[in-house]
Amino acid sequence: MDGSAKLKVPGGKLVYVRIKYSDNIEDVKILGDFFMHPEEALAQIELAIAGMPARSDEDSIAARISDVARKQGVEMIGVTAQSIAQAIRMAIK
């Protein structure tokens, strides 16, 4: 199945997610007007989410994003791991 969602982060920016899923998340694209440094880390976050069960809760997805961000030394501006995870859950519903 395909899904998409837009989320305006309170006090932040817009997050837009496009996702393909069945039992597992097959592919995810995270877009928006937020900033992430280094920019290449976004692709690593998308790869880390792919393969997760589609039924994963928001906290599990946010933990995976935070783990990648910590390992890559990522700075997120206008978005949080939790808000990205929330948009992903919205896209799956």
Protein backbone atom coordinates (compact mmCIF):
# COMPACT_ATOMS: atom_id res chain seq x y z
CA MET A 1 0.00 0.00 0.00
CA ASP A 2 0.98 3.61 -0.43
CA GLY A 3 0.44 6.39 2.04
CA SER A 4 1.36 10.01 2.58
CA ALA A 5 0.94 12.60 5.28
CA LYS A 6 1.76 16.22 5.98
CA LEU A 7 2.41 17.49 9.47
CA LYS A 8 3.05 21.07 10.57
CA VAL A 9 5.39 20.82 13.53
CA PRO A 10 4.25 23.19 16.31
CA GLY A 11 6.76 26.04 16.34
CA GLY A 12 8.62 24.34 13.51
CA LYS A 13 8.39 23.40 9.88
CA LEU A 14 6.38 21.18 7.55
CA VAL A 15 7.15 17.44 7.34
CA TYR A 16 5.83 15.48 4.37
CA VAL A 17 6.14 11.69 4.24
CA ARG A 18 5.50 9.29 1.35
CA ILE A 19 5.57 5.62 2.24
CA LYS A 20 5.14 2.19 0.70
CA TYR A 21 4.25 -0.61 3.09
CA SER A 22 2.69 -4.01 3.53
CA ASP A 23 3.51 -5.93 6.70
CA ASN A 24 6.76 -3.96 6.79
CA ILE A 25 7.71 -0.46 5.75
CA GLU A 26 9.18 -1.01 2.30
CA ASP A 27 10.20 2.52 1.36
CA VAL A 28 9.90 5.94 2.94
CA LYS A 29 10.68 9.43 1.67
CA ILE A 30 10.87 12.26 4.18
CA LEU A 31 10.48 15.73 2.71
CA GLY A 32 9.65 19.18 3.99
CA ASP A 33 10.94 22.65 4.67
CA PHE A 34 13.00 21.65 7.72
CA PHE A 35 16.80 21.54 7.87
CA MET A 36 19.06 18.62 8.66
CA HIS A 37 22.83 18.75 8.86
CA PRO A 38 24.55 16.87 7.39
CA GLU A 39 21.91 16.60 4.65
CA GLU A 40 23.09 13.11 3.69
CA ALA A 41 21.85 11.81 7.04
CA LEU A 42 18.26 11.98 5.80
CA ALA A 43 18.94 9.08 3.42
CA GLN A 44 20.43 7.08 6.32
CA ILE A 45 17.31 7.75 8.41
CA GLU A 46 15.06 6.62 5.55
CA LEU A 47 17.10 3.40 5.15
CA ALA A 48 16.93 2.73 8.89
CA ILE A 49 13.13 3.00 8.89
CA ALA A 50 12.71 0.73 5.85
CA GLY A 51 12.19 -2.82 7.02
CA MET A 52 10.51 -1.89 10.29
CA PRO A 53 7.12 -3.51 10.87
CA ALA A 54 4.34 -1.27 9.55
CA ARG A 55 2.61 -1.69 12.92
CA SER A 56 5.60 -0.10 14.75
CA ASP A 57 4.43 2.56 17.16
CA GLU A 58 5.49 6.18 17.04
CA ASP A 59 7.98 5.81 19.90
CA SER A 60 9.77 2.87 18.22
CA ILE A 61 10.10 4.77 14.96
CA ALA A 62 11.32 7.90 16.79
CA ALA A 63 13.88 5.80 18.68
CA ARG A 64 15.24 4.42 15.39
CA ILE A 65 15.48 7.95 13.95
CA SER A 66 17.17 9.26 17.11
CA ASP A 67 19.66 6.39 17.06
CA VAL A 68 20.74 7.20 13.50
CA ALA A 69 20.84 10.92 14.28
CA ARG A 70 23.04 10.33 17.32
CA LYS A 71 25.44 8.04 15.45
CA GLN A 72 25.69 10.45 12.50
CA GLY A 73 25.93 13.60 14.63
CA VAL A 74 22.81 15.01 12.99
CA GLU A 75 21.41 18.42 13.84
CA MET A 76 17.69 18.76 13.11
CA ILE A 77 16.24 22.26 12.80
CA GLY A 78 12.47 22.74 12.68
CA VAL A 79 11.74 19.04 13.08
CA THR A 80 12.24 16.29 15.68
CA ALA A 81 12.54 12.52 15.53
CA GLN A 82 9.13 12.35 17.22
CA SER A 83 7.47 14.61 14.63
CA ILE A 84 8.90 12.57 11.74
CA ALA A 85 7.66 9.40 13.44
CA GLN A 86 4.23 10.97 13.92
CA ALA A 87 4.02 11.81 10.21
CA ILE A 88 5.02 8.24 9.32
CA ARG A 89 2.28 6.80 11.55
CA MET A 90 -0.22 9.21 9.97
CA ALA A 91 0.83 8.03 6.49
CA ILE A 92 0.31 4.37 7.44
CA LYS A 93 -3.18 4.84 8.91
